[in-house]
């Protein structure tokens, strides 16, 4: 997978974990989430298979989400089918797969017939959703004096993946403005800001990010980033990419962020795994002990 796409996938997985109920309603998927399901299955040949996200529904079924920045065609469908089959056998549950396609993917392959069976996924094409409409609907609601809820605001984190003529820079600016103006639980606001910032680093160039610094600095996340000089390090680390594990740039950013920025924000912004974060925490703790 392309290094830039890794960040996008990490952000989407983080969004699904933080705001599962709101995202299902936004995508018109019926049912109520009752829990988060495991995403790692052990194949009979001891091959580990990592799924993007699984949700346990109140009827006992599972919804399996995959986030795709590219269309792998038949190879992807075979992989998704394997995920479903192994998960269903291992946990004894029916599984339905939804694949969220970002970027400009418009006609992904969604059906595979082999032997007697036809396998299908539910595609969600972000290019079919219009960012202009999203922001216009929110503004109309505000103009009518109605407060915006978390359910209204969560789709803003996906606006950079949508179609529409609205410039990317304006989408980020408007998202941060709404998040500052509307009353939200502190943790929800922090997560939404972190997810938006992480996608902004992917879609905006450095000059555009510089223009946004004034607004971002006004947020709680921005104060933590800029007051400690971490924003430049994050941009530099992401531009270098992650190669051979964690790049030195990313490693330094994470170690400087531990204890300053919440773990969820570190994961969303840098794209590292929880296991990598824990490893770096242990390294930092050991280093601090030595220095003492």
Protein backbone atom coordinates (compact mmCIF):
# COMPACT_ATOMS: atom_id res chain seq x y z
CA UNK A 1 0.00 0.00 0.00
CA UNK A 2 1.21 3.53 -0.81
CA UNK A 3 2.67 5.31 2.25
CA UNK A 4 0.25 8.23 1.85
CA UNK A 5 -2.70 5.81 1.72
CA UNK A 6 -1.55 4.21 4.99
CA UNK A 7 -2.25 7.47 6.82
CA UNK A 8 -5.70 7.70 5.23
CA UNK A 9 -6.59 4.14 6.24
CA UNK A 10 -5.41 4.73 9.82
CA UNK A 11 -7.56 7.85 10.05
CA UNK A 12 -10.66 6.05 8.77
CA UNK A 13 -10.17 3.18 11.19
CA UNK A 14 -9.78 5.66 14.05
CA UNK A 15 -13.00 7.41 12.96
CA UNK A 16 -14.86 4.10 12.89
CA UNK A 17 -13.69 3.27 16.39
CA UNK A 18 -14.56 6.67 17.86
CA UNK A 19 -17.82 7.36 16.04
CA UNK A 20 -19.24 4.00 14.89
CA UNK A 21 -22.91 4.85 15.50
CA UNK A 22 -22.73 8.21 13.74
CA UNK A 23 -20.90 6.79 10.71
CA UNK A 24 -23.41 3.97 10.26
CA UNK A 25 -26.30 6.42 10.29
CA UNK A 26 -24.45 8.68 7.85
CA UNK A 27 -24.00 5.79 5.42
CA UNK A 28 -27.67 4.70 5.91
CA UNK A 29 -26.64 1.35 7.38
CA UNK A 30 -29.44 0.08 9.61
CA UNK A 31 -28.95 -1.52 13.00
CA UNK A 32 -27.45 -0.62 16.36
CA UNK A 33 -23.82 -1.20 17.32
CA UNK A 34 -23.44 -3.13 20.57
CA UNK A 35 -19.66 -3.55 20.58
CA UNK A 36 -16.33 -3.59 18.75
CA UNK A 37 -15.32 -6.97 17.35
CA UNK A 38 -11.83 -8.44 16.89
CA UNK A 39 -10.11 -7.68 13.57
CA UNK A 40 -7.42 -10.35 13.63
CA UNK A 41 -8.13 -13.92 12.53
CA UNK A 42 -5.82 -16.93 12.54
CA UNK A 43 -5.90 -18.93 9.32
CA UNK A 44 -5.51 -22.71 9.48
CA UNK A 45 -2.03 -22.28 8.01
CA UNK A 46 -1.25 -19.80 10.79
CA UNK A 47 -1.38 -16.83 8.42
CA UNK A 48 -2.51 -13.75 10.29
CA UNK A 49 -5.27 -11.82 8.50
CA UNK A 50 -5.86 -8.22 9.60
CA UNK A 51 -9.24 -6.72 8.83
CA UNK A 52 -9.83 -2.99 8.97
CA UNK A 53 -12.81 -2.84 11.32
CA UNK A 54 -15.56 -5.10 12.70
CA UNK A 55 -18.69 -3.97 14.52
CA UNK A 56 -20.99 -6.22 16.54
CA UNK A 57 -24.63 -5.39 15.85
CA UNK A 58 -27.48 -5.81 18.34
CA UNK A 59 -28.95 -8.72 16.32
CA UNK A 60 -25.72 -10.70 16.74
CA UNK A 61 -24.45 -10.15 13.20
CA UNK A 62 -21.16 -8.42 12.39
CA UNK A 63 -20.51 -5.56 9.97
CA UNK A 64 -17.04 -5.69 8.47
CA UNK A 65 -15.59 -2.42 7.14
CA UNK A 66 -12.69 -2.19 4.72
CA UNK A 67 -11.18 1.20 3.72
CA UNK A 68 -9.73 1.26 0.23
CA UNK A 69 -7.73 4.04 -1.44
CA UNK A 70 -7.29 1.90 -4.56
CA UNK A 71 -9.36 -0.70 -6.40
CA UNK A 72 -7.69 -4.11 -6.39
CA UNK A 73 -10.51 -5.76 -8.33
CA UNK A 74 -10.77 -9.55 -8.08
CA UNK A 75 -7.79 -9.84 -5.73
CA UNK A 76 -9.49 -7.56 -3.18
CA UNK A 77 -12.79 -9.46 -3.44
CA UNK A 78 -11.06 -12.78 -2.82
CA UNK A 79 -9.35 -11.28 0.21
CA UNK A 80 -12.62 -9.86 1.60
CA UNK A 81 -14.38 -13.20 0.97
CA UNK A 82 -11.66 -14.99 2.93
CA UNK A 83 -12.01 -12.54 5.81
CA UNK A 84 -15.75 -13.17 5.95
CA UNK A 85 -15.47 -16.95 5.72
CA UNK A 86 -12.80 -17.31 8.41
CA UNK A 87 -14.47 -14.81 10.74
CA UNK A 88 -17.88 -16.45 10.33
CA UNK A 89 -16.43 -19.89 11.04
CA UNK A 90 -14.27 -18.77 13.96
CA UNK A 91 -16.93 -16.71 15.77
CA UNK A 92 -20.10 -18.38 14.46
CA UNK A 93 -21.66 -15.14 13.18
CA UNK A 94 -23.06 -13.83 9.87
CA UNK A 95 -20.80 -11.14 8.38
CA UNK A 96 -21.60 -8.39 5.86
CA UNK A 97 -18.74 -6.43 4.27
CA UNK A 98 -18.94 -2.72 3.43
CA UNK A 99 -16.03 -1.24 1.49
CA UNK A 100 -15.48 2.52 1.70
CA UNK A 101 -13.70 3.68 -1.47
CA UNK A 102 -12.03 7.07 -1.19
CA UNK A 103 -10.32 9.17 -3.83
CA UNK A 104 -11.66 9.05 -7.36
CA UNK A 105 -12.70 5.38 -7.42
CA UNK A 106 -16.06 5.32 -9.21
CA UNK A 107 -16.63 1.82 -10.58
CA UNK A 108 -15.02 -0.75 -8.28
CA UNK A 109 -15.65 -4.44 -8.83
CA UNK A 110 -18.21 -5.47 -6.21
CA UNK A 111 -19.21 -9.00 -7.25
CA UNK A 112 -17.26 -12.22 -7.81
CA UNK A 113 -18.71 -15.47 -9.17
CA UNK A 114 -16.62 -18.60 -8.81
CA UNK A 115 -17.99 -22.14 -8.96
CA UNK A 116 -21.56 -22.24 -7.65
CA UNK A 117 -21.26 -19.14 -5.48
CA UNK A 118 -21.47 -15.39 -6.02
CA UNK A 119 -19.82 -13.15 -3.44
CA UNK A 120 -20.87 -9.50 -3.05
CA UNK A 121 -19.80 -6.49 -1.04
CA UNK A 122 -21.63 -3.25 -0.29
CA UNK A 123 -19.57 -0.42 -1.87
CA UNK A 124 -19.59 3.11 -0.42
CA UNK A 125 -18.21 5.57 -2.98
CA UNK A 126 -17.03 8.76 -1.30
CA UNK A 127 -16.62 10.45 -4.68
CA UNK A 128 -20.43 10.31 -5.01
CA UNK A 129 -20.87 12.41 -1.88
CA UNK A 130 -20.67 16.16 -2.33
CA UNK A 131 -18.73 18.23 0.21
CA UNK A 132 -20.52 21.40 -0.94
CA UNK A 133 -23.90 19.88 -0.03
CA UNK A 134 -22.61 18.73 3.35
CA UNK A 135 -21.45 22.19 4.40
CA UNK A 136 -24.50 23.94 2.93
CA UNK A 137 -26.86 21.66 4.87
CA UNK A 138 -24.98 22.31 8.10
CA UNK A 139 -25.09 26.07 7.55
CA UNK A 140 -28.84 25.98 6.84
CA UNK A 141 -29.40 24.15 10.11
CA UNK A 142 -27.33 26.75 11.99
CA UNK A 143 -29.19 29.60 10.27
CA UNK A 144 -32.45 28.10 11.56
CA UNK A 145 -31.08 28.25 15.09
CA UNK A 146 -30.72 24.49 15.47
CA UNK A 147 -27.66 23.22 17.37
CA UNK A 148 -25.35 20.87 15.51
CA UNK A 149 -24.96 17.45 17.09
CA UNK A 150 -22.06 15.00 17.06
CA UNK A 151 -23.96 13.07 14.40
CA UNK A 152 -23.97 16.23 12.23
CA UNK A 153 -20.27 16.94 12.76
CA UNK A 154 -18.69 13.48 12.36
CA UNK A 155 -19.13 13.44 8.52
CA UNK A 156 -16.97 16.58 8.37
CA UNK A 157 -13.93 14.38 9.01
CA UNK A 158 -14.71 12.64 5.70
CA UNK A 159 -15.20 15.82 3.68
CA UNK A 160 -11.68 15.68 2.20
CA UNK A 161 -12.52 12.31 0.65
CA UNK A 162 -15.71 13.55 -1.02
CA UNK A 163 -16.42 14.97 -4.44
CA UNK A 164 -17.54 18.54 -5.06
CA UNK A 165 -15.95 21.79 -6.20
CA UNK A 166 -15.23 23.15 -2.70
CA UNK A 167 -11.44 23.65 -2.33
CA UNK A 168 -9.71 21.29 0.10
CA UNK A 169 -8.33 24.18 2.14
CA UNK A 170 -11.86 25.57 2.64
CA UNK A 171 -13.13 22.18 3.77
CA UNK A 172 -10.50 22.01 6.51
CA UNK A 173 -11.05 25.63 7.55
CA UNK A 174 -14.83 25.21 7.77
CA UNK A 175 -14.50 21.93 9.67
CA UNK A 176 -12.31 23.48 12.35
CA UNK A 177 -14.67 26.46 12.56
CA UNK A 178 -17.67 24.23 13.21
CA UNK A 179 -15.77 22.17 15.78
CA UNK A 180 -14.83 25.35 17.67
CA UNK A 181 -18.34 26.81 17.60
CA UNK A 182 -20.40 23.78 18.59
CA UNK A 183 -20.52 22.37 22.15
CA UNK A 184 -19.03 18.88 22.14
CA UNK A 185 -17.63 16.51 24.72
CA UNK A 186 -13.92 17.33 25.05
CA UNK A 187 -12.83 13.84 23.96
CA UNK A 188 -15.09 13.92 20.89
CA UNK A 189 -13.82 17.35 19.88
CA UNK A 190 -10.20 16.26 20.35
CA UNK A 191 -10.72 13.15 18.23
CA UNK A 192 -12.51 15.06 15.46
CA UNK A 193 -9.76 17.70 15.39
CA UNK A 194 -7.02 15.05 15.29
CA UNK A 195 -8.72 13.14 12.45
CA UNK A 196 -9.23 16.34 10.45
CA UNK A 197 -5.62 17.42 10.97
CA UNK A 198 -4.31 14.00 9.94
CA UNK A 199 -6.24 14.04 6.66
CA UNK A 200 -5.27 17.66 6.06
CA UNK A 201 -1.58 16.70 6.17
CA UNK A 202 -2.34 14.18 3.43
CA UNK A 203 -4.36 16.39 1.07
CA UNK A 204 -2.91 19.89 1.59
CA UNK A 205 0.55 21.04 0.65
CA UNK A 206 2.87 22.72 3.14
CA UNK A 207 1.97 26.26 2.09
CA UNK A 208 -1.75 25.57 2.56
CA UNK A 209 -1.08 24.05 5.97
CA UNK A 210 0.86 27.19 6.96
CA UNK A 211 -2.17 29.33 6.12
CA UNK A 212 -4.32 27.18 8.39
CA UNK A 213 -2.02 27.40 11.38
CA UNK A 214 -3.76 30.45 12.80
CA UNK A 215 -7.08 28.65 13.03
CA UNK A 216 -5.61 25.35 14.14
CA UNK A 217 -3.68 27.08 16.93
CA UNK A 218 -6.99 28.19 18.43
CA UNK A 219 -8.07 24.59 19.03
CA UNK A 220 -7.03 22.47 22.00
CA UNK A 221 -5.19 20.13 19.65
CA UNK A 222 -3.48 23.07 17.96
CA UNK A 223 -2.30 24.50 21.27
CA UNK A 224 -0.67 21.20 22.13
CA UNK A 225 0.87 20.83 18.68
CA UNK A 226 2.24 24.32 18.18
CA UNK A 227 3.10 25.28 21.73
CA UNK A 228 5.44 22.30 21.86
CA UNK A 229 6.74 22.71 18.31
CA UNK A 230 5.31 19.36 17.24
CA UNK A 231 3.37 20.39 14.12
CA UNK A 232 6.46 20.96 11.98
CA UNK A 233 7.87 17.66 13.14
CA UNK A 234 4.67 15.83 12.25
CA UNK A 235 4.59 17.33 8.76
CA UNK A 236 8.26 16.52 8.27
CA UNK A 237 7.84 12.99 9.55
CA UNK A 238 4.80 12.31 7.37
CA UNK A 239 6.52 13.73 4.30
CA UNK A 240 9.42 11.35 4.86
CA UNK A 241 7.01 8.43 5.09
CA UNK A 242 7.32 5.29 7.14
CA UNK A 243 10.01 2.95 5.87
CA UNK A 244 11.54 -0.08 7.52
CA UNK A 245 9.17 0.17 10.49
CA UNK A 246 9.02 3.70 11.91
CA UNK A 247 11.12 6.43 10.33
CA UNK A 248 13.36 8.51 12.57
CA UNK A 249 11.19 11.56 11.90
CA UNK A 250 8.01 9.80 13.00
CA UNK A 251 9.81 8.18 15.96
CA UNK A 252 10.96 11.57 17.25
CA UNK A 253 7.54 13.14 16.78
CA UNK A 254 5.84 10.35 18.72
CA UNK A 255 8.32 10.42 21.59
CA UNK A 256 7.92 14.19 21.88
CA UNK A 257 4.12 13.80 21.81
CA UNK A 258 3.80 11.12 24.51
CA UNK A 259 2.24 12.69 27.58
CA UNK A 260 1.42 15.87 25.66
CA UNK A 261 -1.14 14.67 23.07
CA UNK A 262 -3.73 11.92 23.73
CA UNK A 263 -2.84 8.48 22.36
CA UNK A 264 -5.78 8.55 19.93
CA UNK A 265 -4.49 11.78 18.43
CA UNK A 266 -0.95 10.42 18.10
CA UNK A 267 -2.25 7.33 16.27
CA UNK A 268 -4.47 9.36 13.95
CA UNK A 269 -1.86 11.96 13.07
CA UNK A 270 1.18 9.71 12.61
CA UNK A 271 -0.44 6.56 11.24
CA UNK A 272 1.52 4.21 13.51
CA UNK A 273 -0.11 1.17 15.13
CA UNK A 274 -1.05 0.89 18.83
CA UNK A 275 1.67 -1.74 19.16
CA UNK A 276 4.29 0.64 17.75
CA UNK A 277 3.09 3.39 20.08
CA UNK A 278 3.42 1.08 23.08
CA UNK A 279 6.94 0.14 21.97
CA UNK A 280 7.94 3.79 21.73
CA UNK A 281 6.40 4.49 25.15
CA UNK A 282 8.55 1.75 26.64
CA UNK A 283 11.63 3.15 24.89
CA UNK A 284 10.90 6.62 26.25
CA UNK A 285 10.32 5.29 29.77
CA UNK A 286 13.60 3.39 29.67
CA UNK A 287 15.42 6.47 28.39
CA UNK A 288 13.91 8.63 31.15
CA UNK A 289 14.99 6.10 33.78
CA UNK A 290 18.55 6.15 32.49
CA UNK A 291 18.68 9.96 32.46
CA UNK A 292 17.52 10.04 36.07
